[in-house]
Amino acid sequence: MNTNHFLAFDLGASSGRAILGKLSGEKLELLEIHRFKNQMSLIHGKYYWNIFSLFDELKTGLKKCISKHNIQPDSIGIDTWGVDYSLVTSEGQLIGLPFAYRDHRTDNAMEDYFKVMPKNETYFLSGIQFMQFNTLFQLFASAKENFSRLKIAESLLFTPDTLNYLFTGVKKNEYTISSTSQLLKPGKPEWEPKLFEAAGIPMQLMGEIVQPGDEIGKILAEVQKETGSDEIPCFAVASHDTASAIASVPADGDNWAYLSSGTWSLLGIECKVPLVSDKTLEMNFTNEGGVDGTTRFLKNIMGMWLIQECKRIWEEEKEMDWQEIVDLSNAVEPFKCLINPDNSVFLNPVNMPVAIQNYCEKTEQPIPKTKGEIARCIYDSLVLKYKFTINQIEFLTGNNIEKLHIIGGGAHNKIMNQLTADAIGITVFAGPTEATAIGNLMMQAKAIGAVKSLSNIRKVIRNSFEVTMYKPSPKLDWDSAFEKFKKLD
């Protein structure tokens, strides 16, 4: 039986990990090698990512894999959050720090852009959900401000593309991460010239689009020397973290949906072709690239960011663990107040608990005062948003969703998993929690021929990781709560 080792670098908006995967036959084992924090930096009123610090952390992960665990991985792969990018000069130098998507420069960008190209035309050219931080609107905002970096840039690399470039010296744009930009044609690895023209951005910034499983290049000699690495390949995985996560859904058969639950909640289905229509535009669904020619038809929902930000504020007084927050939420009245998680006031407020209280006051609801009441408000509201979105998917496709797979860190949250099953009325399967890293590792395995297809990947995952089942057992009046929720803006 052949044994292969792959190293996945999985970066989220709040943390990053280096995960070693050992694949023996149809069994995958994981070992966390390195974990580190990631956060936006506020500099002179603008939010940035420290891309150079992130690169250092990835090199530390590779060095630990080799020096502490005595394993030279067969390859590495990198996935990150979407939409953000770096600019590179003709001499190959990165032009400063990349903006973070929660920066406020795009607060009015969509409205201004629609004066140049109408909303419906933009959607039918891209098939992508409208969010103010999409790369299209970030670039439009920069062009409108006559941003000097754009004048000296030769190339644009999305965040995982940038890190691949720092490792290998090779500039490529991976398909799944490129699809989050709102600059591609729906379901195709092709840039849409009309969108660049409307944004005032030269399409020459964009490079060759490569697919998950393609080789980017070999690790540079300077990185080999620093880490002790051999000249191993760096593969393009499904570089958008959600695309990697969905590749790891341990589903079999049809009529299932996924919920990739983390800082964001990504709820949707896997399709063979994009779904672009007046109705999908009206309901603001997105069509992002997946592996093996699939389309990720989904909706971005403001997920655990809401409770993460509350926890951050509460810990200014004293440290709290997640179980304490869950216990406090269980002890209070459900449905006392609700929010629309996707209201723009929750994108990046200074104080999330206060933002929630202000929203409830503005919508003439009881104001949550305790930590438990605020947490319960978030949990109930997210679950009702999931129900709302599932209903929309069923309407748009004409198919009933029979089961929901929850993957990612949110799969740890037992109360949320059970509430979701209760609210939607279908069986929920929770796990694996390290879905993104697993998808990353398995695409590396596919790149070297250790697995042959997406269905083969999912079979390995079912063989390797435990999944917990939650059957609906509603004890609360979800229907009345749902009617109340639907009236919120």
Protein backbone atom coordinates (compact mmCIF):
# COMPACT_ATOMS: atom_id res chain seq x y z
CA MET A 1 0.00 0.00 0.00
CA ASN A 2 1.41 3.38 -1.04
CA THR A 3 1.66 6.12 1.57
CA ASN A 4 1.86 9.79 0.65
CA HIS A 5 2.28 12.90 2.77
CA PHE A 6 0.82 16.28 1.78
CA LEU A 7 1.01 19.61 3.58
CA ALA A 8 -2.04 21.89 3.48
CA PHE A 9 -1.83 25.55 4.39
CA ASP A 10 -5.34 26.69 5.30
CA LEU A 11 -5.73 30.41 6.02
CA GLY A 12 -8.89 32.01 7.34
CA ALA A 13 -9.63 35.59 8.25
CA SER A 14 -8.90 34.93 11.93
CA SER A 15 -6.34 32.08 11.93
CA GLY A 16 -4.18 29.84 9.80
CA ARG A 17 -2.95 26.27 10.07
CA ALA A 18 -0.45 23.92 8.53
CA ILE A 19 -2.02 20.45 8.42
CA LEU A 20 -0.10 17.34 7.43
CA GLY A 21 -2.10 14.66 5.67
CA LYS A 22 -1.03 11.02 5.50
CA LEU A 23 -2.88 9.08 2.79
CA SER A 24 -2.61 5.29 2.90
CA GLY A 25 -4.89 3.58 0.43
CA GLU A 26 -8.37 4.97 1.12
CA LYS A 27 -7.62 6.31 4.60
CA LEU A 28 -6.53 9.87 5.37
CA GLU A 29 -5.01 10.89 8.72
CA LEU A 30 -4.42 14.47 9.85
CA LEU A 31 -1.80 16.06 12.06
CA GLU A 32 -1.77 19.75 12.91
CA ILE A 33 1.81 20.99 12.51
CA HIS A 34 1.45 24.71 13.12
CA ARG A 35 -1.31 27.17 14.03
CA PHE A 36 -1.17 30.95 14.09
CA LYS A 37 -3.42 33.99 14.40
CA ASN A 38 -4.40 36.20 11.50
CA GLN A 39 -6.03 39.58 11.79
CA MET A 40 -6.49 42.77 9.87
CA SER A 41 -4.15 45.67 10.62
CA LEU A 42 -5.62 49.17 10.86
CA ILE A 43 -3.06 51.62 9.44
CA HIS A 44 -3.94 55.28 8.86
CA GLY A 45 -7.65 54.48 8.71
CA LYS A 46 -7.35 51.57 6.25
CA TYR A 47 -7.51 47.81 6.90
CA TYR A 48 -4.76 45.57 5.48
CA TRP A 49 -3.46 42.00 5.64
CA ASN A 50 0.18 41.45 6.56
CA ILE A 51 0.94 39.13 3.64
CA PHE A 52 4.65 38.92 4.49
CA SER A 53 3.95 37.78 8.05
CA LEU A 54 1.57 35.13 6.68
CA PHE A 55 4.28 33.88 4.32
CA ASP A 56 6.69 33.62 7.26
CA GLU A 57 4.13 31.54 9.17
CA LEU A 58 3.71 29.17 6.23
CA LYS A 59 7.45 28.71 5.99
CA THR A 60 7.51 28.00 9.73
CA GLY A 61 4.88 25.31 9.16
CA LEU A 62 6.93 23.68 6.41
CA LYS A 63 10.10 23.86 8.53
CA LYS A 64 8.33 22.24 11.51
CA CYS A 65 7.00 19.45 9.29
CA ILE A 66 10.54 18.61 8.20
CA SER A 67 12.58 19.29 11.36
CA LYS A 68 10.17 18.21 14.11
CA HIS A 69 8.31 15.41 12.35
CA ASN A 70 11.06 14.29 9.98
CA ILE A 71 8.70 14.30 6.98
CA GLN A 72 9.40 15.80 3.58
CA PRO A 73 5.91 16.30 2.15
CA ASP A 74 5.25 15.19 -1.41
CA SER A 75 3.74 18.60 -2.12
CA ILE A 76 2.17 21.71 -0.59
CA GLY A 77 -1.10 23.50 -1.34
CA ILE A 78 -2.58 26.80 -0.14
CA ASP A 79 -6.19 27.92 0.34
CA THR A 80 -7.48 31.21 1.77
CA TRP A 81 -10.57 33.41 1.98
CA GLY A 82 -11.79 35.01 -1.25
CA VAL A 83 -11.84 38.35 -3.10
CA ASP A 84 -8.67 39.98 -1.67
CA TYR A 85 -5.59 40.47 -3.81
CA SER A 86 -2.04 41.82 -4.09
CA LEU A 87 -0.58 43.94 -6.87
CA VAL A 88 2.84 43.13 -8.36
CA THR A 89 5.25 45.32 -10.37
CA SER A 90 6.91 44.35 -13.64
CA GLU A 91 10.06 43.64 -11.58
CA GLY A 92 8.11 41.06 -9.56
CA GLN A 93 7.80 43.08 -6.34
CA LEU A 94 4.65 43.19 -4.25
CA ILE A 95 3.29 46.73 -4.01
CA GLY A 96 2.69 47.21 -0.30
CA LEU A 97 0.20 45.34 1.85
CA PRO A 98 -3.07 44.11 0.32
CA PHE A 99 -6.33 45.66 1.46
CA ALA A 100 -8.62 43.59 3.69
CA TYR A 101 -12.13 43.06 2.39
CA ARG A 102 -13.72 44.65 5.47
CA ASP A 103 -12.05 47.99 4.69
CA HIS A 104 -14.65 50.75 4.42
CA ARG A 105 -13.45 52.19 1.10
CA THR A 106 -16.07 50.06 -0.69
CA ASP A 107 -19.03 51.18 1.45
CA ASN A 108 -20.62 53.04 -1.50
CA ALA A 109 -18.79 51.31 -4.33
CA MET A 110 -21.67 49.14 -5.56
CA GLU A 111 -24.09 52.06 -5.91
CA ASP A 112 -21.48 54.09 -7.78
CA TYR A 113 -20.57 51.16 -10.03
CA PHE A 114 -24.21 50.59 -11.01
CA LYS A 115 -24.22 54.10 -12.47
CA VAL A 116 -21.66 52.81 -14.97
CA MET A 117 -23.07 49.30 -15.54
CA PRO A 118 -26.57 48.31 -14.35
CA LYS A 119 -26.93 45.71 -11.64
CA ASN A 120 -28.76 43.16 -13.79
CA GLU A 121 -26.19 43.37 -16.61
CA THR A 122 -23.35 42.93 -14.11
CA TYR A 123 -25.03 39.85 -12.64
CA PHE A 124 -25.73 38.18 -15.98
CA LEU A 125 -22.13 38.74 -17.06
CA SER A 126 -20.70 37.23 -13.83
CA GLY A 127 -23.36 35.18 -12.03
CA ILE A 128 -21.92 36.36 -8.71
CA GLN A 129 -23.73 37.49 -5.56
CA PHE A 130 -23.52 41.21 -4.86
CA MET A 131 -21.37 42.02 -1.85
CA GLN A 132 -19.65 45.36 -1.47
CA PHE A 133 -16.22 43.80 -0.98
CA ASN A 134 -16.16 41.72 -4.18
CA THR A 135 -12.91 42.27 -6.06
CA LEU A 136 -14.82 44.04 -8.84
CA PHE A 137 -15.97 46.75 -6.42
CA GLN A 138 -12.63 46.93 -4.62
CA LEU A 139 -10.90 47.62 -7.93
CA PHE A 140 -13.59 50.07 -9.02
CA ALA A 141 -13.19 52.00 -5.77
CA SER A 142 -9.41 52.14 -6.25
CA ALA A 143 -9.72 53.24 -9.89
CA LYS A 144 -12.20 55.94 -8.93
CA GLU A 145 -9.75 57.25 -6.31
CA ASN A 146 -6.98 57.25 -8.96
CA PHE A 147 -5.05 54.84 -6.71
CA SER A 148 -1.34 55.14 -7.49
CA ARG A 149 -0.59 51.44 -6.95
CA LEU A 150 -2.72 50.53 -9.97
CA LYS A 151 -0.58 52.72 -12.21
CA ILE A 152 2.60 50.74 -11.49
CA ALA A 153 1.05 47.28 -11.24
CA GLU A 154 1.67 44.68 -13.92
CA SER A 155 -0.11 41.74 -12.26
CA LEU A 156 -2.94 41.02 -9.85
CA LEU A 157 -2.72 37.92 -7.68
CA PHE A 158 -5.43 36.78 -5.29
CA THR A 159 -4.29 35.92 -1.76
CA PRO A 160 -3.46 32.21 -2.35
CA ASP A 161 -1.98 33.10 -5.74
CA THR A 162 0.26 35.62 -3.95
CA LEU A 163 1.49 33.05 -1.43
CA ASN A 164 2.05 30.51 -4.23
CA TYR A 165 4.14 33.18 -5.99
CA LEU A 166 6.21 33.87 -2.87
CA PHE A 167 6.94 30.12 -2.59
CA THR A 168 7.65 29.46 -6.27
CA GLY A 169 8.23 32.73 -8.15
CA VAL A 170 5.43 31.71 -10.56
CA LYS A 171 2.39 33.96 -11.12
CA LYS A 172 -0.88 32.18 -11.89
CA ASN A 173 -4.56 32.85 -11.09
CA GLU A 174 -6.31 29.74 -9.74
CA TYR A 175 -9.88 29.22 -10.99
CA THR A 176 -11.93 28.82 -7.79
CA ILE A 177 -10.41 31.87 -6.08
CA SER A 178 -10.70 33.89 -9.31
CA SER A 179 -14.40 33.06 -9.47
CA THR A 180 -15.03 34.94 -6.20
CA SER A 181 -13.89 38.20 -7.83
CA GLN A 182 -17.00 38.88 -9.98
CA LEU A 183 -14.64 39.25 -12.94
CA LEU A 184 -15.14 35.84 -14.61
CA LYS A 185 -17.83 34.62 -16.98
CA PRO A 186 -20.33 32.33 -15.17
CA GLY A 187 -18.96 28.80 -14.84
CA LYS A 188 -16.01 29.47 -17.15
CA PRO A 189 -12.28 30.06 -16.52
CA GLU A 190 -12.46 33.18 -18.69
CA TRP A 191 -12.20 36.86 -17.73
CA GLU A 192 -15.14 39.05 -18.79
CA PRO A 193 -13.76 42.13 -20.63
CA LYS A 194 -16.93 44.22 -20.16
CA LEU A 195 -16.62 44.06 -16.37
CA PHE A 196 -13.01 45.29 -16.47
CA GLU A 197 -13.97 48.11 -18.82
CA ALA A 198 -16.83 49.24 -16.55
CA ALA A 199 -14.53 49.14 -13.51
CA GLY A 200 -11.84 51.15 -15.28
CA ILE A 201 -9.27 48.38 -14.79
CA PRO A 202 -6.95 46.93 -17.48
CA MET A 203 -7.62 43.24 -18.06
CA GLN A 204 -3.88 42.83 -18.69
CA LEU A 205 -3.47 42.70 -14.89
CA MET A 206 -4.88 39.19 -14.92
CA GLY A 207 -2.82 36.11 -15.67
CA GLU A 208 -3.30 32.56 -16.85
CA ILE A 209 -6.10 30.74 -15.06
CA VAL A 210 -5.13 27.30 -13.75
CA GLN A 211 -7.37 24.56 -12.38
CA PRO A 212 -7.28 22.73 -9.04
CA GLY A 213 -4.69 20.00 -9.37
CA ASP A 214 -2.41 21.92 -11.75
CA GLU A 215 1.18 22.42 -10.68
CA ILE A 216 2.16 26.03 -9.98
CA GLY A 217 5.89 25.37 -9.73
CA LYS A 218 8.64 24.04 -7.49
CA ILE A 219 9.59 25.67 -4.18
CA LEU A 220 12.33 28.27 -4.69
CA ALA A 221 15.90 27.47 -3.65
CA GLU A 222 15.87 30.27 -1.05
CA VAL A 223 12.76 28.75 0.59
CA GLN A 224 14.32 25.27 0.45
CA LYS A 225 17.38 26.57 2.26
CA GLU A 226 15.32 28.36 4.92
CA THR A 227 12.98 25.45 5.62
CA GLY A 228 15.13 22.40 4.87
CA SER A 229 12.73 21.40 2.12
CA ASP A 230 13.45 19.41 -1.01
CA GLU A 231 12.47 20.84 -4.39
CA ILE A 232 8.83 19.82 -3.90
CA PRO A 233 5.92 20.99 -6.05
CA CYS A 234 3.36 23.57 -5.03
CA PHE A 235 -0.02 22.58 -6.47
CA ALA A 236 -3.01 24.77 -7.16
CA VAL A 237 -5.66 23.21 -4.95
CA ALA A 238 -9.20 24.55 -4.77
CA SER A 239 -7.58 27.74 -3.52
CA HIS A 240 -10.77 29.38 -2.26
CA ASP A 241 -11.27 27.87 1.19
CA THR A 242 -14.98 27.26 0.56
CA ALA A 243 -14.21 25.38 -2.66
CA SER A 244 -11.79 23.14 -0.75
CA ALA A 245 -14.34 22.64 2.01
CA ILE A 246 -17.10 21.64 -0.40
CA ALA A 247 -14.78 19.16 -2.12
CA SER A 248 -14.57 17.41 1.25
CA VAL A 249 -18.33 17.09 1.87
CA PRO A 250 -18.77 13.35 2.65
CA ALA A 251 -22.02 13.20 0.66
CA ASP A 252 -23.35 10.38 -1.45
CA GLY A 253 -26.34 10.50 -3.78
CA ASP A 254 -28.45 13.52 -4.66
CA ASN A 255 -30.65 16.21 -3.05
CA TRP A 256 -28.19 17.34 -0.41
CA ALA A 257 -27.02 20.80 0.53
CA TYR A 258 -23.91 21.95 2.35
CA LEU A 259 -23.24 24.54 5.01
CA SER A 260 -19.59 25.49 5.35
CA SER A 261 -19.70 27.03 8.79
CA GLY A 262 -16.98 29.31 10.06
CA THR A 263 -16.41 33.06 10.11
CA TRP A 264 -18.80 33.03 7.16
CA SER A 265 -21.67 30.62 6.59
CA LEU A 266 -21.70 29.40 2.99
CA LEU A 267 -24.95 27.59 2.25
CA GLY A 268 -25.73 26.02 -1.09
CA ILE A 269 -25.67 23.09 -3.47
CA GLU A 270 -23.27 21.63 -6.02
CA CYS A 271 -24.38 22.07 -9.66
CA LYS A 272 -23.16 20.93 -13.04
CA VAL A 273 -23.92 24.34 -14.58
CA PRO A 274 -24.39 27.88 -13.24
CA LEU A 275 -27.91 28.99 -12.34
CA VAL A 276 -28.26 32.56 -13.58
CA SER A 277 -31.72 34.04 -13.94
CA ASP A 278 -33.87 36.99 -12.93
CA LYS A 279 -34.89 35.03 -9.82
CA THR A 280 -31.34 34.13 -8.75
CA LEU A 281 -30.48 37.82 -9.24
CA GLU A 282 -33.45 38.89 -7.13
CA MET A 283 -32.45 36.44 -4.36
CA ASN A 284 -28.75 37.33 -4.71
CA PHE A 285 -27.28 33.86 -5.18
CA THR A 286 -23.75 33.28 -6.40
CA ASN A 287 -22.20 30.84 -8.87
CA GLU A 288 -18.57 30.19 -7.93
CA GLY A 289 -16.14 27.72 -9.44
CA GLY A 290 -15.75 24.26 -7.94
CA VAL A 291 -13.55 21.26 -8.63
CA ASP A 292 -13.99 18.87 -11.56
CA GLY A 293 -16.10 21.36 -13.49
CA THR A 294 -18.75 21.84 -10.80
CA THR A 295 -20.40 25.11 -9.81
CA ARG A 296 -20.92 26.18 -6.22
CA PHE A 297 -24.42 27.67 -6.19
CA LEU A 298 -24.64 29.29 -2.80
CA LYS A 299 -25.27 32.29 -0.63
CA ASN A 300 -22.75 33.99 1.63
CA ILE A 301 -24.26 34.54 5.07
CA MET A 302 -22.63 36.53 7.87
CA GLY A 303 -21.78 33.49 10.00
CA MET A 304 -19.87 32.95 13.23
CA TRP A 305 -18.21 36.36 12.72
CA LEU A 306 -21.15 37.75 14.69
CA ILE A 307 -20.45 35.70 17.83
CA GLN A 308 -16.65 35.85 17.32
CA GLU A 309 -16.79 39.63 17.46
CA CYS A 310 -19.06 39.57 20.53
CA LYS A 311 -16.63 37.22 22.26
CA ARG A 312 -13.75 39.56 21.40
CA ILE A 313 -15.56 42.51 22.99
CA TRP A 314 -16.67 40.53 26.04
CA GLU A 315 -13.12 39.30 26.63
CA GLU A 316 -12.00 42.87 27.16
CA GLU A 317 -13.50 42.32 30.64
CA LYS A 318 -12.61 38.65 31.16
CA GLU A 319 -11.79 35.56 29.13
CA MET A 320 -14.67 33.32 28.06
CA ASP A 321 -14.70 29.90 26.43
CA TRP A 322 -17.19 28.91 23.76
CA GLN A 323 -19.04 26.45 25.99
CA GLU A 324 -19.73 29.20 28.51
CA ILE A 325 -21.33 31.30 25.75
CA VAL A 326 -23.44 28.34 24.60
CA ASP A 327 -24.55 27.63 28.19
CA LEU A 328 -25.57 31.26 28.69
CA SER A 329 -27.58 31.19 25.45
CA ASN A 330 -29.36 27.99 26.51
CA ALA A 331 -30.53 29.61 29.73
CA VAL A 332 -32.51 32.45 28.13
CA GLU A 333 -35.78 32.79 26.23
CA PRO A 334 -35.54 31.85 22.52
CA PHE A 335 -36.78 34.19 19.78
CA LYS A 336 -36.98 37.16 22.17
CA CYS A 337 -35.29 39.24 19.48
CA LEU A 338 -33.89 38.51 16.02
CA ILE A 339 -31.55 40.14 13.52
CA ASN A 340 -30.94 39.84 9.82
CA PRO A 341 -27.33 38.57 9.94
CA ASP A 342 -26.60 40.06 6.52
CA ASN A 343 -27.54 43.62 7.33
CA SER A 344 -24.56 45.82 6.44
CA VAL A 345 -24.30 47.20 10.00
CA PHE A 346 -22.80 43.86 11.05
CA LEU A 347 -20.02 43.77 8.42
CA ASN A 348 -17.36 45.45 10.58
CA PRO A 349 -18.81 47.43 13.50
CA VAL A 350 -16.61 48.85 16.24
CA ASN A 351 -18.67 46.99 18.86
CA MET A 352 -20.78 44.01 17.72
CA PRO A 353 -22.94 43.65 20.89
CA VAL A 354 -23.86 47.33 20.67
CA ALA A 355 -24.60 47.00 16.94
CA ILE A 356 -27.00 44.14 17.70
CA GLN A 357 -28.69 46.11 20.48
CA ASN A 358 -29.07 49.15 18.24
CA TYR A 359 -30.56 47.02 15.46
CA CYS A 360 -33.11 45.51 17.83
CA GLU A 361 -34.07 48.94 19.12
CA LYS A 362 -34.40 50.30 15.58
CA THR A 363 -36.64 47.36 14.58
CA GLU A 364 -38.82 47.87 17.70
CA GLN A 365 -37.89 44.59 19.37
CA PRO A 366 -36.88 43.89 22.97
CA ILE A 367 -33.24 44.89 23.38
CA PRO A 368 -30.95 41.99 24.40
CA LYS A 369 -29.01 43.07 27.48
CA THR A 370 -27.10 40.04 28.74
CA LYS A 371 -24.40 38.02 27.00
CA GLY A 372 -26.76 35.05 26.92
CA GLU A 373 -29.54 37.05 25.27
CA ILE A 374 -27.19 38.45 22.63
CA ALA A 375 -25.71 35.01 21.88
CA ARG A 376 -29.17 33.43 21.66
CA CYS A 377 -30.28 36.22 19.32
CA ILE A 378 -27.34 35.40 17.03
CA TYR A 379 -27.87 31.63 17.10
CA ASP A 380 -31.64 31.84 16.47
CA SER A 381 -31.17 34.39 13.69
CA LEU A 382 -28.49 32.38 11.88
CA VAL A 383 -30.58 29.22 11.98
CA LEU A 384 -33.63 31.06 10.64
CA LYS A 385 -31.47 32.53 7.87
CA TYR A 386 -30.42 28.98 6.96
CA LYS A 387 -34.09 27.96 6.77
CA PHE A 388 -34.87 30.98 4.62
CA THR A 389 -32.00 30.18 2.24
CA ILE A 390 -32.88 26.47 1.94
CA ASN A 391 -36.43 27.48 1.03
CA GLN A 392 -35.05 29.76 -1.69
CA ILE A 393 -32.83 26.99 -3.11
CA GLU A 394 -35.78 24.59 -3.24
CA PHE A 395 -37.89 27.22 -5.02
CA LEU A 396 -35.15 28.01 -7.56
CA THR A 397 -34.28 24.40 -8.38
CA GLY A 398 -37.65 22.69 -7.93
CA ASN A 399 -35.93 20.00 -5.82
CA ASN A 400 -36.48 19.21 -2.16
CA ILE A 401 -33.35 19.24 -0.01
CA GLU A 402 -33.35 15.97 1.94
CA LYS A 403 -30.22 16.39 4.05
CA LEU A 404 -27.77 19.09 5.05
CA HIS A 405 -24.04 18.54 5.55
CA ILE A 406 -22.45 20.99 7.99
CA ILE A 407 -18.68 21.13 7.61
CA GLY A 408 -15.94 23.32 9.07
CA GLY A 409 -15.39 24.67 12.56
CA GLY A 410 -19.10 25.34 13.09
CA ALA A 411 -19.73 21.58 13.00
CA HIS A 412 -18.40 21.55 16.59
CA ASN A 413 -21.39 23.62 17.75
CA LYS A 414 -23.87 20.98 18.87
CA ILE A 415 -26.61 23.42 19.82
CA MET A 416 -26.44 25.11 16.41
CA ASN A 417 -26.49 21.75 14.63
CA GLN A 418 -29.60 20.61 16.50
CA LEU A 419 -31.34 23.97 16.13
CA THR A 420 -30.63 23.88 12.40
CA ALA A 421 -32.17 20.40 12.06
CA ASP A 422 -35.18 21.49 14.12
CA ALA A 423 -35.76 24.72 12.20
CA ILE A 424 -35.35 23.31 8.68
CA GLY A 425 -36.96 19.96 9.43
CA ILE A 426 -34.34 17.77 7.74
CA THR A 427 -31.52 15.55 8.97
CA VAL A 428 -28.22 17.32 9.54
CA PHE A 429 -24.84 15.58 9.25
CA ALA A 430 -22.04 17.43 11.04
CA GLY A 431 -18.41 16.91 10.09
CA PRO A 432 -15.64 16.82 9.22
CA THR A 433 -14.59 19.94 11.11
CA GLU A 434 -11.26 20.28 9.25
CA ALA A 435 -13.11 20.25 5.94
CA THR A 436 -11.08 22.94 4.19
CA ALA A 437 -7.71 21.39 4.99
CA ILE A 438 -9.03 17.96 3.99
CA GLY A 439 -10.23 19.25 0.62
CA ASN A 440 -6.87 20.93 0.11
CA LEU A 441 -4.98 17.70 0.91
CA MET A 442 -7.18 15.54 -1.30
CA MET A 443 -6.73 17.83 -4.30
CA GLN A 444 -2.97 17.43 -3.86
CA ALA A 445 -3.55 13.68 -3.78
CA LYS A 446 -5.56 13.95 -7.00
CA ALA A 447 -2.77 16.02 -8.56
CA ILE A 448 -0.26 13.15 -8.16
CA GLY A 449 -2.81 10.49 -9.17
CA ALA A 450 -3.35 8.97 -5.71
CA VAL A 451 -7.12 9.49 -6.19
CA LYS A 452 -8.89 9.77 -9.52
CA SER A 453 -12.10 11.79 -9.08
CA LEU A 454 -14.28 13.90 -6.79
CA SER A 455 -16.44 10.87 -5.97
CA ASN A 456 -13.27 8.94 -5.07
CA ILE A 457 -12.20 11.83 -2.81
CA ARG A 458 -15.53 11.75 -0.98
CA LYS A 459 -15.30 8.01 -0.52
CA VAL A 460 -11.91 8.41 1.18
CA ILE A 461 -13.37 11.09 3.44
CA ARG A 462 -16.32 8.89 4.44
CA ASN A 463 -13.82 6.14 5.27
CA SER A 464 -11.63 8.46 7.32
CA PHE A 465 -13.74 10.82 9.43
CA GLU A 466 -16.63 10.52 11.84
CA VAL A 467 -19.87 12.34 11.08
CA THR A 468 -22.56 13.09 13.70
CA MET A 469 -26.22 12.92 12.72
CA TYR A 470 -28.88 15.30 14.10
CA LYS A 471 -32.51 14.43 13.47
CA PRO A 472 -35.17 17.15 13.69
CA SER A 473 -37.04 17.15 16.99
CA PRO A 474 -38.58 20.63 17.15
CA LYS A 475 -39.79 21.63 20.60
CA LEU A 476 -40.16 25.33 19.76
CA ASP A 477 -42.55 27.31 17.56
CA TRP A 478 -40.19 27.74 14.62
CA ASP A 479 -42.99 28.70 12.21
CA SER A 480 -43.98 31.80 14.19
CA ALA A 481 -40.33 32.77 14.67
CA PHE A 482 -39.76 32.36 10.93
CA GLU A 483 -42.66 34.67 10.07
CA LYS A 484 -41.16 37.29 12.41
CA PHE A 485 -37.70 36.81 10.87
CA LYS A 486 -38.93 37.27 7.29
CA LYS A 487 -40.07 40.80 8.06
CA LEU A 488 -36.58 41.99 9.04
CA ASP A 489 -34.42 44.05 6.72
